[in-house]
PDB file of N, CA and C in Angstrom:
ATOM      1  N   MET A   1       1.598  -7.406  31.544  1.00  0.00           N
ATOM      2  CA  MET A   1       2.734  -7.360  30.641  1.00  0.00           C
ATOM      3  C   MET A   1       3.225  -5.919  30.585  1.00  0.00           C
ATOM      4  N   SER A   2       4.517  -5.743  30.682  1.00  0.00           N
ATOM      5  CA  SER A   2       5.082  -4.395  30.671  1.00  0.00           C
ATOM      6  C   SER A   2       5.071  -3.820  29.261  1.00  0.00           C
ATOM      7  N   ASP A   3       5.224  -2.506  29.179  1.00  0.00           N
ATOM      8  CA  ASP A   3       5.264  -1.847  27.872  1.00  0.00           C
ATOM      9  C   ASP A   3       6.433  -2.357  27.041  1.00  0.00           C
ATOM     10  N   ARG A   4       7.561  -2.575  27.681  1.00  0.00           N
ATOM     11  CA  ARG A   4       8.750  -3.068  26.968  1.00  0.00           C
ATOM     12  C   ARG A   4       8.492  -4.471  26.406  1.00  0.00           C
ATOM     13  N   ALA A   5       7.867  -5.318  27.201  1.00  0.00           N
ATOM     14  CA  ALA A   5       7.561  -6.676  26.736  1.00  0.00           C
ATOM     15  C   ALA A   5       6.591  -6.638  25.557  1.00  0.00           C
ATOM     16  N   MET A   6       5.611  -5.713  25.609  1.00  0.00           N
ATOM     17  CA  MET A   6       4.678  -5.555  24.484  1.00  0.00           C
ATOM     18  C   MET A   6       5.419  -5.120  23.228  1.00  0.00           C
ATOM     19  N   GLU A   7       6.319  -4.153  23.370  1.00  0.00           N
ATOM     20  CA  GLU A   7       7.095  -3.682  22.219  1.00  0.00           C
ATOM     21  C   GLU A   7       7.904  -4.807  21.595  1.00  0.00           C
ATOM     22  N   ILE A   8       8.530  -5.610  22.444  1.00  0.00           N
ATOM     23  CA  ILE A   8       9.344  -6.723  21.941  1.00  0.00           C
ATOM     24  C   ILE A   8       8.465  -7.748  21.233  1.00  0.00           C
ATOM     25  N   LEU A   9       7.330  -8.095  21.836  1.00  0.00           N
ATOM     26  CA  LEU A   9       6.421  -9.069  21.227  1.00  0.00           C
ATOM     27  C   LEU A   9       5.899  -8.573  19.880  1.00  0.00           C
ATOM     28  N   LEU A  10       5.455  -7.332  19.828  1.00  0.00           N
ATOM     29  CA  LEU A  10       4.916  -6.788  18.580  1.00  0.00           C
ATOM     30  C   LEU A  10       6.007  -6.623  17.526  1.00  0.00           C
ATOM     31  N   GLY A  11       7.198  -6.226  17.951  1.00  0.00           N
ATOM     32  CA  GLY A  11       8.320  -6.115  17.011  1.00  0.00           C
ATOM     33  C   GLY A  11       8.702  -7.461  16.427  1.00  0.00           C
ATOM     34  N   ASN A  12       8.723  -8.487  17.276  1.00  0.00           N
ATOM     35  CA  ASN A  12       9.040  -9.834  16.794  1.00  0.00           C
ATOM     36  C   ASN A  12       7.968 -10.351  15.841  1.00  0.00           C
ATOM     37  N   LEU A  13       6.706 -10.026  16.119  1.00  0.00           N
ATOM     38  CA  LEU A  13       5.619 -10.420  15.219  1.00  0.00           C
ATOM     39  C   LEU A  13       5.818  -9.800  13.834  1.00  0.00           C
ATOM     40  N   LEU A  14       6.123  -8.509  13.794  1.00  0.00           N
ATOM     41  CA  LEU A  14       6.349  -7.852  12.509  1.00  0.00           C
ATOM     42  C   LEU A  14       7.560  -8.447  11.790  1.00  0.00           C
ATOM     43  N   ARG A  15       8.624  -8.663  12.527  1.00  0.00           N
ATOM     44  CA  ARG A  15       9.846  -9.223  11.934  1.00  0.00           C
ATOM     45  C   ARG A  15       9.575 -10.607  11.361  1.00  0.00           C
ATOM     46  N   LEU A  16       8.910 -11.455  12.138  1.00  0.00           N
ATOM     47  CA  LEU A  16       8.601 -12.807  11.685  1.00  0.00           C
ATOM     48  C   LEU A  16       7.688 -12.785  10.458  1.00  0.00           C
ATOM     49  N   GLY A  17       6.678 -11.905  10.470  1.00  0.00           N
ATOM     50  CA  GLY A  17       5.766 -11.819   9.329  1.00  0.00           C
ATOM     51  C   GLY A  17       6.463 -11.405   8.049  1.00  0.00           C
ATOM     52  N   VAL A  18       7.354 -10.423   8.147  1.00  0.00           N
ATOM     53  CA  VAL A  18       8.066  -9.948   6.957  1.00  0.00           C
ATOM     54  C   VAL A  18       9.030 -11.012   6.451  1.00  0.00           C
ATOM     55  N   ILE A  19       9.731 -11.673   7.366  1.00  0.00           N
ATOM     56  CA  ILE A  19      10.666 -12.726   6.951  1.00  0.00           C
ATOM     57  C   ILE A  19       9.911 -13.884   6.303  1.00  0.00           C
ATOM     58  N   LEU A  20       8.813 -14.312   6.914  1.00  0.00           N
ATOM     59  CA  LEU A  20       8.017 -15.404   6.354  1.00  0.00           C
ATOM     60  C   LEU A  20       7.468 -15.031   4.974  1.00  0.00           C
ATOM     61  N   ALA A  21       6.931 -13.817   4.849  1.00  0.00           N
ATOM     62  CA  ALA A  21       6.405 -13.366   3.557  1.00  0.00           C
ATOM     63  C   ALA A  21       7.515 -13.349   2.503  1.00  0.00           C
ATOM     64  N   GLY A  22       8.670 -12.845   2.882  1.00  0.00           N
ATOM     65  CA  GLY A  22       9.790 -12.802   1.938  1.00  0.00           C
ATOM     66  C   GLY A  22      10.229 -14.188   1.494  1.00  0.00           C
ATOM     67  N   LEU A  23      10.262 -15.135   2.427  1.00  0.00           N
ATOM     68  CA  LEU A  23      10.657 -16.497   2.076  1.00  0.00           C
ATOM     69  C   LEU A  23       9.643 -17.155   1.146  1.00  0.00           C
ATOM     70  N   VAL A  24       8.363 -16.907   1.371  1.00  0.00           N
ATOM     71  CA  VAL A  24       7.328 -17.490   0.509  1.00  0.00           C
ATOM     72  C   VAL A  24       7.418 -16.882  -0.902  1.00  0.00           C
ATOM     73  N   VAL A  25       7.626 -15.564  -0.992  1.00  0.00           N
ATOM     74  CA  VAL A  25       7.785 -14.924  -2.310  1.00  0.00           C
ATOM     75  C   VAL A  25       9.044 -15.458  -3.000  1.00  0.00           C
ATOM     76  N   LEU A  26      10.128 -15.604  -2.240  1.00  0.00           N
ATOM     77  CA  LEU A  26      11.363 -16.141  -2.808  1.00  0.00           C
ATOM     78  C   LEU A  26      11.155 -17.552  -3.337  1.00  0.00           C
ATOM     79  N   LEU A  27      10.443 -18.380  -2.571  1.00  0.00           N
ATOM     80  CA  LEU A  27      10.133 -19.733  -3.031  1.00  0.00           C
ATOM     81  C   LEU A  27       9.345 -19.693  -4.337  1.00  0.00           C
ATOM     82  N   GLY A  28       8.358 -18.806  -4.416  1.00  0.00           N
ATOM     83  CA  GLY A  28       7.590 -18.668  -5.659  1.00  0.00           C
ATOM     84  C   GLY A  28       8.460 -18.227  -6.819  1.00  0.00           C
ATOM     85  N   GLY A  29       9.382 -17.312  -6.554  1.00  0.00           N
ATOM     86  CA  GLY A  29      10.296 -16.867  -7.614  1.00  0.00           C
ATOM     87  C   GLY A  29      11.213 -17.977  -8.082  1.00  0.00           C
ATOM     88  N   ILE A  30      11.713 -18.769  -7.149  1.00  0.00           N
ATOM     89  CA  ILE A  30      12.575 -19.900  -7.506  1.00  0.00           C
ATOM     90  C   ILE A  30      11.794 -20.928  -8.323  1.00  0.00           C
ATOM     91  N   LEU A  31      10.557 -21.215  -7.894  1.00  0.00           N
ATOM     92  CA  LEU A  31       9.723 -22.154  -8.652  1.00  0.00           C
ATOM     93  C   LEU A  31       9.443 -21.624 -10.056  1.00  0.00           C
ATOM     94  N   GLU A  32       9.176 -20.330 -10.150  1.00  0.00           N
ATOM     95  CA  GLU A  32       8.908 -19.722 -11.467  1.00  0.00           C
ATOM     96  C   GLU A  32      10.126 -19.850 -12.377  1.00  0.00           C
ATOM     97  N   LEU A  33      11.305 -19.585 -11.839  1.00  0.00           N
ATOM     98  CA  LEU A  33      12.524 -19.722 -12.637  1.00  0.00           C
ATOM     99  C   LEU A  33      12.786 -21.174 -13.011  1.00  0.00           C
ATOM    100  N   ARG A  34      12.493 -22.087 -12.096  1.00  0.00           N
ATOM    101  CA  ARG A  34      12.693 -23.504 -12.387  1.00  0.00           C
ATOM    102  C   ARG A  34      11.769 -23.978 -13.510  1.00  0.00           C
ATOM    103  N   HIS A  35      10.531 -23.482 -13.496  1.00  0.00           N
ATOM    104  CA  HIS A  35       9.556 -23.909 -14.504  1.00  0.00           C
ATOM    105  C   HIS A  35       9.735 -23.157 -15.825  1.00  0.00           C
ATOM    106  N   HIS A  36      10.040 -21.862 -15.756  1.00  0.00           N
ATOM    107  CA  HIS A  36      10.019 -21.044 -16.971  1.00  0.00           C
ATOM    108  C   HIS A  36      11.298 -20.236 -17.185  1.00  0.00           C
ATOM    109  N   GLY A  37      12.345 -20.516 -16.441  1.00  0.00           N
ATOM    110  CA  GLY A  37      13.575 -19.728 -16.537  1.00  0.00           C
ATOM    111  C   GLY A  37      14.241 -19.798 -17.897  1.00  0.00           C
ATOM    112  N   GLY A  38      14.099 -20.902 -18.569  1.00  0.00           N
ATOM    113  CA  GLY A  38      14.728 -21.059 -19.874  1.00  0.00           C
ATOM    114  C   GLY A  38      13.830 -20.716 -21.046  1.00  0.00           C
ATOM    115  N   ASP A  39      12.598 -20.302 -20.764  1.00  0.00           N
ATOM    116  CA  ASP A  39      11.668 -19.980 -21.842  1.00  0.00           C
ATOM    117  C   ASP A  39      12.124 -18.739 -22.605  1.00  0.00           C
ATOM    118  N   ILE A  40      11.874 -18.751 -23.898  1.00  0.00           N
ATOM    119  CA  ILE A  40      12.144 -17.579 -24.722  1.00  0.00           C
ATOM    120  C   ILE A  40      10.960 -16.636 -24.587  1.00  0.00           C
ATOM    121  N   VAL A  41      11.262 -15.382 -24.314  1.00  0.00           N
ATOM    122  CA  VAL A  41      10.211 -14.395 -24.107  1.00  0.00           C
ATOM    123  C   VAL A  41       9.872 -13.731 -25.433  1.00  0.00           C
ATOM    124  N   HIS A  42       8.590 -13.712 -25.759  1.00  0.00           N
ATOM    125  CA  HIS A  42       8.111 -13.037 -26.958  1.00  0.00           C
ATOM    126  C   HIS A  42       7.391 -11.776 -26.500  1.00  0.00           C
ATOM    127  N   TYR A  43       8.063 -10.661 -26.599  1.00  0.00           N
ATOM    128  CA  TYR A  43       7.514  -9.416 -26.072  1.00  0.00           C
ATOM    129  C   TYR A  43       6.363  -8.867 -26.903  1.00  0.00           C
ATOM    130  N   SER A  44       6.178  -9.370 -28.113  1.00  0.00           N
ATOM    131  CA  SER A  44       5.082  -8.873 -28.948  1.00  0.00           C
ATOM    132  C   SER A  44       3.752  -9.532 -28.588  1.00  0.00           C
ATOM    133  N   VAL A  45       3.797 -10.609 -27.816  1.00  0.00           N
ATOM    134  CA  VAL A  45       2.590 -11.324 -27.432  1.00  0.00           C
ATOM    135  C   VAL A  45       2.470 -11.291 -25.911  1.00  0.00           C
ATOM    136  N   PHE A  46       1.311 -10.836 -25.461  1.00  0.00           N
ATOM    137  CA  PHE A  46       1.077 -10.825 -24.011  1.00  0.00           C
ATOM    138  C   PHE A  46       0.144 -11.964 -23.673  1.00  0.00           C
ATOM    139  N   GLN A  47       0.669 -12.905 -22.918  1.00  0.00           N
ATOM    140  CA  GLN A  47      -0.146 -14.031 -22.473  1.00  0.00           C
ATOM    141  C   GLN A  47       0.150 -14.228 -20.993  1.00  0.00           C
ATOM    142  N   ALA A  48      -0.817 -13.880 -20.176  1.00  0.00           N
ATOM    143  CA  ALA A  48      -0.607 -13.945 -18.732  1.00  0.00           C
ATOM    144  C   ALA A  48      -1.195 -15.222 -18.160  1.00  0.00           C
ATOM    145  N   GLU A  49      -0.591 -15.659 -17.092  1.00  0.00           N
ATOM    146  CA  GLU A  49      -1.174 -16.738 -16.294  1.00  0.00           C
ATOM    147  C   GLU A  49      -2.455 -16.177 -15.691  1.00  0.00           C
ATOM    148  N   PRO A  50      -3.264 -17.005 -15.068  1.00  0.00           N
ATOM    149  CA  PRO A  50      -4.449 -16.473 -14.379  1.00  0.00           C
ATOM    150  C   PRO A  50      -4.013 -15.693 -13.143  1.00  0.00           C
ATOM    151  N   TRP A  51      -3.483 -14.551 -13.352  1.00  0.00           N
ATOM    152  CA  TRP A  51      -2.812 -13.753 -12.330  1.00  0.00           C
ATOM    153  C   TRP A  51      -3.414 -12.382 -12.326  1.00  0.00           C
ATOM    154  N   PRO A  52      -3.786 -11.736 -11.327  1.00  0.00           N
ATOM    155  CA  PRO A  52      -3.742 -12.255  -9.966  1.00  0.00           C
ATOM    156  C   PRO A  52      -4.973 -13.094  -9.661  1.00  0.00           C
ATOM    157  N   LEU A  53      -4.814 -13.972  -8.709  1.00  0.00           N
ATOM    158  CA  LEU A  53      -5.946 -14.766  -8.251  1.00  0.00           C
ATOM    159  C   LEU A  53      -6.885 -13.859  -7.479  1.00  0.00           C
ATOM    160  N   ARG A  54      -8.162 -14.139  -7.498  1.00  0.00           N
ATOM    161  CA  ARG A  54      -9.162 -13.207  -6.979  1.00  0.00           C
ATOM    162  C   ARG A  54      -9.630 -13.473  -5.556  1.00  0.00           C
ATOM    163  N   SER A  55      -9.262 -14.621  -4.981  1.00  0.00           N
ATOM    164  CA  SER A  55      -9.711 -14.911  -3.623  1.00  0.00           C
ATOM    165  C   SER A  55      -8.614 -15.655  -2.876  1.00  0.00           C
ATOM    166  N   VAL A  56      -8.702 -15.620  -1.560  1.00  0.00           N
ATOM    167  CA  VAL A  56      -7.730 -16.339  -0.738  1.00  0.00           C
ATOM    168  C   VAL A  56      -7.836 -17.837  -1.011  1.00  0.00           C
ATOM    169  N   GLY A  57      -9.049 -18.314  -1.233  1.00  0.00           N
ATOM    170  CA  GLY A  57      -9.238 -19.725  -1.550  1.00  0.00           C
ATOM    171  C   GLY A  57      -8.538 -20.130  -2.838  1.00  0.00           C
ATOM    172  N   SER A  58      -8.613 -19.275  -3.855  1.00  0.00           N
ATOM    173  CA  SER A  58      -7.944 -19.606  -5.119  1.00  0.00           C
ATOM    174  C   SER A  58      -6.426 -19.519  -4.980  1.00  0.00           C
ATOM    175  N   VAL A  59      -5.941 -18.617  -4.134  1.00  0.00           N
ATOM    176  CA  VAL A  59      -4.501 -18.556  -3.868  1.00  0.00           C
ATOM    177  C   VAL A  59      -4.071 -19.854  -3.186  1.00  0.00           C
ATOM    178  N   TRP A  60      -4.823 -20.263  -2.167  1.00  0.00           N
ATOM    179  CA  TRP A  60      -4.485 -21.490  -1.449  1.00  0.00           C
ATOM    180  C   TRP A  60      -4.538 -22.702  -2.378  1.00  0.00           C
ATOM    181  N   GLN A  61      -5.536 -22.765  -3.253  1.00  0.00           N
ATOM    182  CA  GLN A  61      -5.638 -23.868  -4.215  1.00  0.00           C
ATOM    183  C   GLN A  61      -4.424 -23.874  -5.140  1.00  0.00           C
ATOM    184  N   GLY A  62      -4.006 -22.689  -5.579  1.00  0.00           N
ATOM    185  CA  GLY A  62      -2.817 -22.599  -6.429  1.00  0.00           C
ATOM    186  C   GLY A  62      -1.558 -23.051  -5.707  1.00  0.00           C
ATOM    187  N   VAL A  63      -1.448 -22.730  -4.417  1.00  0.00           N
ATOM    188  CA  VAL A  63      -0.298 -23.186  -3.628  1.00  0.00           C
ATOM    189  C   VAL A  63      -0.313 -24.703  -3.530  1.00  0.00           C
ATOM    190  N   LEU A  64      -1.475 -25.283  -3.258  1.00  0.00           N
ATOM    191  CA  LEU A  64      -1.578 -26.743  -3.163  1.00  0.00           C
ATOM    192  C   LEU A  64      -1.236 -27.425  -4.485  1.00  0.00           C
ATOM    193  N   GLU A  65      -1.494 -26.732  -5.583  1.00  0.00           N
ATOM    194  CA  GLU A  65      -1.155 -27.275  -6.909  1.00  0.00           C
ATOM    195  C   GLU A  65       0.293 -26.996  -7.281  1.00  0.00           C
ATOM    196  N   GLY A  66       0.996 -26.211  -6.457  1.00  0.00           N
ATOM    197  CA  GLY A  66       2.405 -25.911  -6.713  1.00  0.00           C
ATOM    198  C   GLY A  66       2.636 -24.837  -7.752  1.00  0.00           C
ATOM    199  N   ARG A  67       1.673 -23.973  -7.964  1.00  0.00           N
ATOM    200  CA  ARG A  67       1.820 -22.910  -8.964  1.00  0.00           C
ATOM    201  C   ARG A  67       2.676 -21.778  -8.398  1.00  0.00           C
ATOM    202  N   PRO A  68       3.739 -21.413  -9.104  1.00  0.00           N
ATOM    203  CA  PRO A  68       4.664 -20.401  -8.594  1.00  0.00           C
ATOM    204  C   PRO A  68       4.000 -19.055  -8.298  1.00  0.00           C
ATOM    205  N   TYR A  69       3.122 -18.593  -9.184  1.00  0.00           N
ATOM    206  CA  TYR A  69       2.498 -17.282  -8.972  1.00  0.00           C
ATOM    207  C   TYR A  69       1.611 -17.278  -7.734  1.00  0.00           C
ATOM    208  N   ALA A  70       1.067 -18.450  -7.360  1.00  0.00           N
ATOM    209  CA  ALA A  70       0.244 -18.538  -6.155  1.00  0.00           C
ATOM    210  C   ALA A  70       1.114 -18.369  -4.909  1.00  0.00           C
ATOM    211  N   PHE A  71       2.330 -18.917  -4.937  1.00  0.00           N
ATOM    212  CA  PHE A  71       3.244 -18.722  -3.814  1.00  0.00           C
ATOM    213  C   PHE A  71       3.614 -17.246  -3.677  1.00  0.00           C
ATOM    214  N   ILE A  72       3.858 -16.607  -4.795  1.00  0.00           N
ATOM    215  CA  ILE A  72       4.195 -15.180  -4.757  1.00  0.00           C
ATOM    216  C   ILE A  72       3.035 -14.388  -4.182  1.00  0.00           C
ATOM    217  N   GLN A  73       1.850 -14.697  -4.636  1.00  0.00           N
ATOM    218  CA  GLN A  73       0.683 -13.975  -4.142  1.00  0.00           C
ATOM    219  C   GLN A  73       0.411 -14.278  -2.669  1.00  0.00           C
ATOM    220  N   LEU A  74       0.642 -15.517  -2.228  1.00  0.00           N
ATOM    221  CA  LEU A  74       0.495 -15.851  -0.815  1.00  0.00           C
ATOM    222  C   LEU A  74       1.480 -15.045   0.028  1.00  0.00           C
ATOM    223  N   GLY A  75       2.706 -14.906  -0.452  1.00  0.00           N
ATOM    224  CA  GLY A  75       3.691 -14.099   0.261  1.00  0.00           C
ATOM    225  C   GLY A  75       3.254 -12.653   0.383  1.00  0.00           C
ATOM    226  N   LEU A  76       2.663 -12.117  -0.663  1.00  0.00           N
ATOM    227  CA  LEU A  76       2.170 -10.742  -0.609  1.00  0.00           C
ATOM    228  C   LEU A  76       0.990 -10.616   0.353  1.00  0.00           C
ATOM    229  N   LEU A  77       0.127 -11.619   0.373  1.00  0.00           N
ATOM    230  CA  LEU A  77      -0.981 -11.610   1.341  1.00  0.00           C
ATOM    231  C   LEU A  77      -0.453 -11.661   2.777  1.00  0.00           C
ATOM    232  N   LEU A  78       0.564 -12.481   3.014  1.00  0.00           N
ATOM    233  CA  LEU A  78       1.167 -12.535   4.341  1.00  0.00           C
ATOM    234  C   LEU A  78       1.749 -11.172   4.724  1.00  0.00           C
ATOM    235  N   LEU A  79       2.356 -10.509   3.754  1.00  0.00           N
ATOM    236  CA  LEU A  79       2.923  -9.188   4.011  1.00  0.00           C
ATOM    237  C   LEU A  79       1.838  -8.171   4.334  1.00  0.00           C
ATOM    238  N   ILE A  80       0.702  -8.275   3.678  1.00  0.00           N
ATOM    239  CA  ILE A  80      -0.417  -7.367   3.944  1.00  0.00           C
ATOM    240  C   ILE A  80      -1.023  -7.645   5.318  1.00  0.00           C
ATOM    241  N   PHE A  81      -1.168  -8.917   5.666  1.00  0.00           N
ATOM    242  CA  PHE A  81      -1.842  -9.266   6.916  1.00  0.00           C
ATOM    243  C   PHE A  81      -0.955  -9.142   8.150  1.00  0.00           C
ATOM    244  N   THR A  82       0.353  -9.024   7.965  1.00  0.00           N
ATOM    245  CA  THR A  82       1.248  -8.900   9.125  1.00  0.00           C
ATOM    246  C   THR A  82       0.934  -7.672   9.979  1.00  0.00           C
ATOM    247  N   PRO A  83       0.847  -6.462   9.413  1.00  0.00           N
ATOM    248  CA  PRO A  83       0.518  -5.318  10.274  1.00  0.00           C
ATOM    249  C   PRO A  83      -0.915  -5.366  10.810  1.00  0.00           C
ATOM    250  N   ILE A  84      -1.814  -5.995  10.074  1.00  0.00           N
ATOM    251  CA  ILE A  84      -3.188  -6.131  10.570  1.00  0.00           C
ATOM    252  C   ILE A  84      -3.198  -7.038  11.797  1.00  0.00           C
ATOM    253  N   LEU A  85      -2.438  -8.122  11.743  1.00  0.00           N
ATOM    254  CA  LEU A  85      -2.320  -9.006  12.896  1.00  0.00           C
ATOM    255  C   LEU A  85      -1.674  -8.282  14.070  1.00  0.00           C
ATOM    256  N   ARG A  86      -0.735  -7.398  13.778  1.00  0.00           N
ATOM    257  CA  ARG A  86      -0.091  -6.613  14.830  1.00  0.00           C
ATOM    258  C   ARG A  86      -1.106  -5.708  15.534  1.00  0.00           C
ATOM    259  N   VAL A  87      -1.972  -5.074  14.761  1.00  0.00           N
ATOM    260  CA  VAL A  87      -2.993  -4.205  15.352  1.00  0.00           C
ATOM    261  C   VAL A  87      -3.965  -5.037  16.193  1.00  0.00           C
ATOM    262  N   ALA A  88      -4.362  -6.201  15.692  1.00  0.00           N
ATOM    263  CA  ALA A  88      -5.274  -7.062  16.448  1.00  0.00           C
ATOM    264  C   ALA A  88      -4.634  -7.529  17.754  1.00  0.00           C
ATOM    265  N   LEU A  89      -3.356  -7.919  17.699  1.00  0.00           N
ATOM    266  CA  LEU A  89      -2.656  -8.328  18.907  1.00  0.00           C
ATOM    267  C   LEU A  89      -2.511  -7.153  19.878  1.00  0.00           C
ATOM    268  N   SER A  90      -2.275  -5.958  19.350  1.00  0.00           N
ATOM    269  CA  SER A  90      -2.187  -4.772  20.202  1.00  0.00           C
ATOM    270  C   SER A  90      -3.495  -4.543  20.943  1.00  0.00           C
ATOM    271  N   ALA A  91      -4.616  -4.711  20.248  1.00  0.00           N
ATOM    272  CA  ALA A  91      -5.919  -4.529  20.894  1.00  0.00           C
ATOM    273  C   ALA A  91      -6.096  -5.536  22.031  1.00  0.00           C
ATOM    274  N   LEU A  92      -5.702  -6.777  21.783  1.00  0.00           N
ATOM    275  CA  LEU A  92      -5.808  -7.796  22.840  1.00  0.00           C
ATOM    276  C   LEU A  92      -4.913  -7.465  24.034  1.00  0.00           C
ATOM    277  N   LEU A  93      -3.713  -7.013  23.753  1.00  0.00           N
ATOM    278  CA  LEU A  93      -2.795  -6.689  24.846  1.00  0.00           C
ATOM    279  C   LEU A  93      -3.277  -5.473  25.637  1.00  0.00           C
ATOM    280  N   PHE A  94      -3.818  -4.474  24.949  1.00  0.00           N
ATOM    281  CA  PHE A  94      -4.354  -3.310  25.659  1.00  0.00           C
ATOM    282  C   PHE A  94      -5.563  -3.707  26.500  1.00  0.00           C
ATOM    283  N   ALA A  95      -6.403  -4.591  25.977  1.00  0.00           N
ATOM    284  CA  ALA A  95      -7.566  -5.058  26.744  1.00  0.00           C
ATOM    285  C   ALA A  95      -7.110  -5.842  27.970  1.00  0.00           C
ATOM    286  N   ARG A  96      -6.067  -6.629  27.791  1.00  0.00           N
ATOM    287  CA  ARG A  96      -5.531  -7.399  28.916  1.00  0.00           C
ATOM    288  C   ARG A  96      -4.991  -6.482  30.012  1.00  0.00           C
ATOM    289  N   GLN A  97      -4.456  -5.330  29.607  1.00  0.00           N
ATOM    290  CA  GLN A  97      -3.954  -4.361  30.584  1.00  0.00           C
ATOM    291  C   GLN A  97      -5.078  -3.484  31.138  1.00  0.00           C
ATOM    292  N   ARG A  98      -6.273  -3.703  30.645  1.00  0.00           N
ATOM    293  CA  ARG A  98      -7.453  -2.926  31.049  1.00  0.00           C
ATOM    294  C   ARG A  98      -7.297  -1.440  30.728  1.00  0.00           C
ATOM    295  N   ASP A  99      -6.717  -1.179  29.553  1.00  0.00           N
ATOM    296  CA  ASP A  99      -6.555   0.199  29.079  1.00  0.00           C
ATOM    297  C   ASP A  99      -7.649   0.451  28.045  1.00  0.00           C
ATOM    298  N   GLY A 100      -8.788   0.962  28.511  1.00  0.00           N
ATOM    299  CA  GLY A 100      -9.971   1.097  27.666  1.00  0.00           C
ATOM    300  C   GLY A 100      -9.796   2.035  26.495  1.00  0.00           C
ATOM    301  N   VAL A 101      -9.126   3.166  26.716  1.00  0.00           N
ATOM    302  CA  VAL A 101      -8.971   4.148  25.637  1.00  0.00           C
ATOM    303  C   VAL A 101      -8.140   3.563  24.496  1.00  0.00           C
ATOM    304  N   PHE A 102      -6.971   2.993  24.830  1.00  0.00           N
ATOM    305  CA  PHE A 102      -6.123   2.430  23.784  1.00  0.00           C
ATOM    306  C   PHE A 102      -6.776   1.218  23.122  1.00  0.00           C
ATOM    307  N   THR A 103      -7.525   0.443  23.878  1.00  0.00           N
ATOM    308  CA  THR A 103      -8.231  -0.699  23.290  1.00  0.00           C
ATOM    309  C   THR A 103      -9.249  -0.219  22.263  1.00  0.00           C
ATOM    310  N   LEU A 104     -10.044   0.789  22.609  1.00  0.00           N
ATOM    311  CA  LEU A 104     -11.046   1.310  21.667  1.00  0.00           C
ATOM    312  C   LEU A 104     -10.404   1.921  20.430  1.00  0.00           C
ATOM    313  N   VAL A 105      -9.348   2.700  20.633  1.00  0.00           N
ATOM    314  CA  VAL A 105      -8.667   3.323  19.482  1.00  0.00           C
ATOM    315  C   VAL A 105      -8.075   2.247  18.579  1.00  0.00           C
ATOM    316  N   THR A 106      -7.457   1.246  19.178  1.00  0.00           N
ATOM    317  CA  THR A 106      -6.855   0.173  18.381  1.00  0.00           C
ATOM    318  C   THR A 106      -7.919  -0.635  17.642  1.00  0.00           C
ATOM    319  N   LEU A 107      -9.047  -0.888  18.290  1.00  0.00           N
ATOM    320  CA  LEU A 107     -10.143  -1.586  17.610  1.00  0.00           C
ATOM    321  C   LEU A 107     -10.718  -0.753  16.473  1.00  0.00           C
ATOM    322  N   LEU A 108     -10.761   0.559  16.644  1.00  0.00           N
ATOM    323  CA  LEU A 108     -11.202   1.444  15.559  1.00  0.00           C
ATOM    324  C   LEU A 108     -10.250   1.352  14.376  1.00  0.00           C
ATOM    325  N   VAL A 109      -8.949   1.410  14.657  1.00  0.00           N
ATOM    326  CA  VAL A 109      -7.954   1.275  13.584  1.00  0.00           C
ATOM    327  C   VAL A 109      -8.089  -0.078  12.902  1.00  0.00           C
ATOM    328  N   LEU A 110      -8.268  -1.139  13.677  1.00  0.00           N
ATOM    329  CA  LEU A 110      -8.434  -2.477  13.106  1.00  0.00           C
ATOM    330  C   LEU A 110      -9.674  -2.557  12.226  1.00  0.00           C
ATOM    331  N   SER A 111     -10.770  -1.961  12.667  1.00  0.00           N
ATOM    332  CA  SER A 111     -11.991  -1.992  11.855  1.00  0.00           C
ATOM    333  C   SER A 111     -11.808  -1.213  10.561  1.00  0.00           C
ATOM    334  N   ILE A 112     -11.078  -0.107  10.605  1.00  0.00           N
ATOM    335  CA  ILE A 112     -10.804   0.658   9.375  1.00  0.00           C
ATOM    336  C   ILE A 112      -9.941  -0.162   8.419  1.00  0.00           C
ATOM    337  N   LEU A 113      -8.930  -0.825   8.946  1.00  0.00           N
ATOM    338  CA  LEU A 113      -8.077  -1.667   8.102  1.00  0.00           C
ATOM    339  C   LEU A 113      -8.865  -2.799   7.438  1.00  0.00           C
ATOM    340  N   LEU A 114      -9.687  -3.473   8.228  1.00  0.00           N
ATOM    341  CA  LEU A 114     -10.477  -4.578   7.684  1.00  0.00           C
ATOM    342  C   LEU A 114     -11.510  -4.086   6.677  1.00  0.00           C
ATOM    343  N   TYR A 115     -12.123  -2.940   6.963  1.00  0.00           N
ATOM    344  CA  TYR A 115     -13.082  -2.374   6.018  1.00  0.00           C
ATOM    345  C   TYR A 115     -12.404  -2.016   4.702  1.00  0.00           C
ATOM    346  N   SER A 116     -11.214  -1.429   4.799  1.00  0.00           N
ATOM    347  CA  SER A 116     -10.524  -1.032   3.568  1.00  0.00           C
ATOM    348  C   SER A 116     -10.118  -2.238   2.725  1.00  0.00           C
ATOM    349  N   LEU A 117      -9.874  -3.365   3.365  1.00  0.00           N
ATOM    350  CA  LEU A 117      -9.545  -4.587   2.606  1.00  0.00           C
ATOM    351  C   LEU A 117     -10.766  -5.156   1.900  1.00  0.00           C
ATOM    352  N   SER A 118     -11.929  -4.951   2.480  1.00  0.00           N
ATOM    353  CA  SER A 118     -13.128  -5.557   1.905  1.00  0.00           C
ATOM    354  C   SER A 118     -13.711  -4.710   0.785  1.00  0.00           C
ATOM    355  N   HIS A 119     -13.220  -3.508   0.572  1.00  0.00           N
ATOM    356  CA  HIS A 119     -13.763  -2.643  -0.495  1.00  0.00           C
ATOM    357  C   HIS A 119     -12.710  -2.212  -1.465  1.00  0.00           C
TER     358      HIS A 119
END
């Protein structure tokens, strides 16, 4: 695969990830307005939904239940994972080109990203 083809593929991946994340967040916002758009807000009382959800499983469960905040959080997770997926795909493409230095550097960056998410 040529360098130009790699750039186009990785650029399209980022574009698709951002658009998909934005659409999921927008859907969550629309659902939130549909469910609570007419509610009167009492600023003296703070009562939050179970937000933020603490695991990917709980986000997915909230999406399956149709909870608006879960859709918003899923969109944010998609936005976070888009560049991580780009780095992982870059490592695969560099390995396919048999470029050892770039493959190792990209895998190092990927491991740092994944480590930072887990802590």
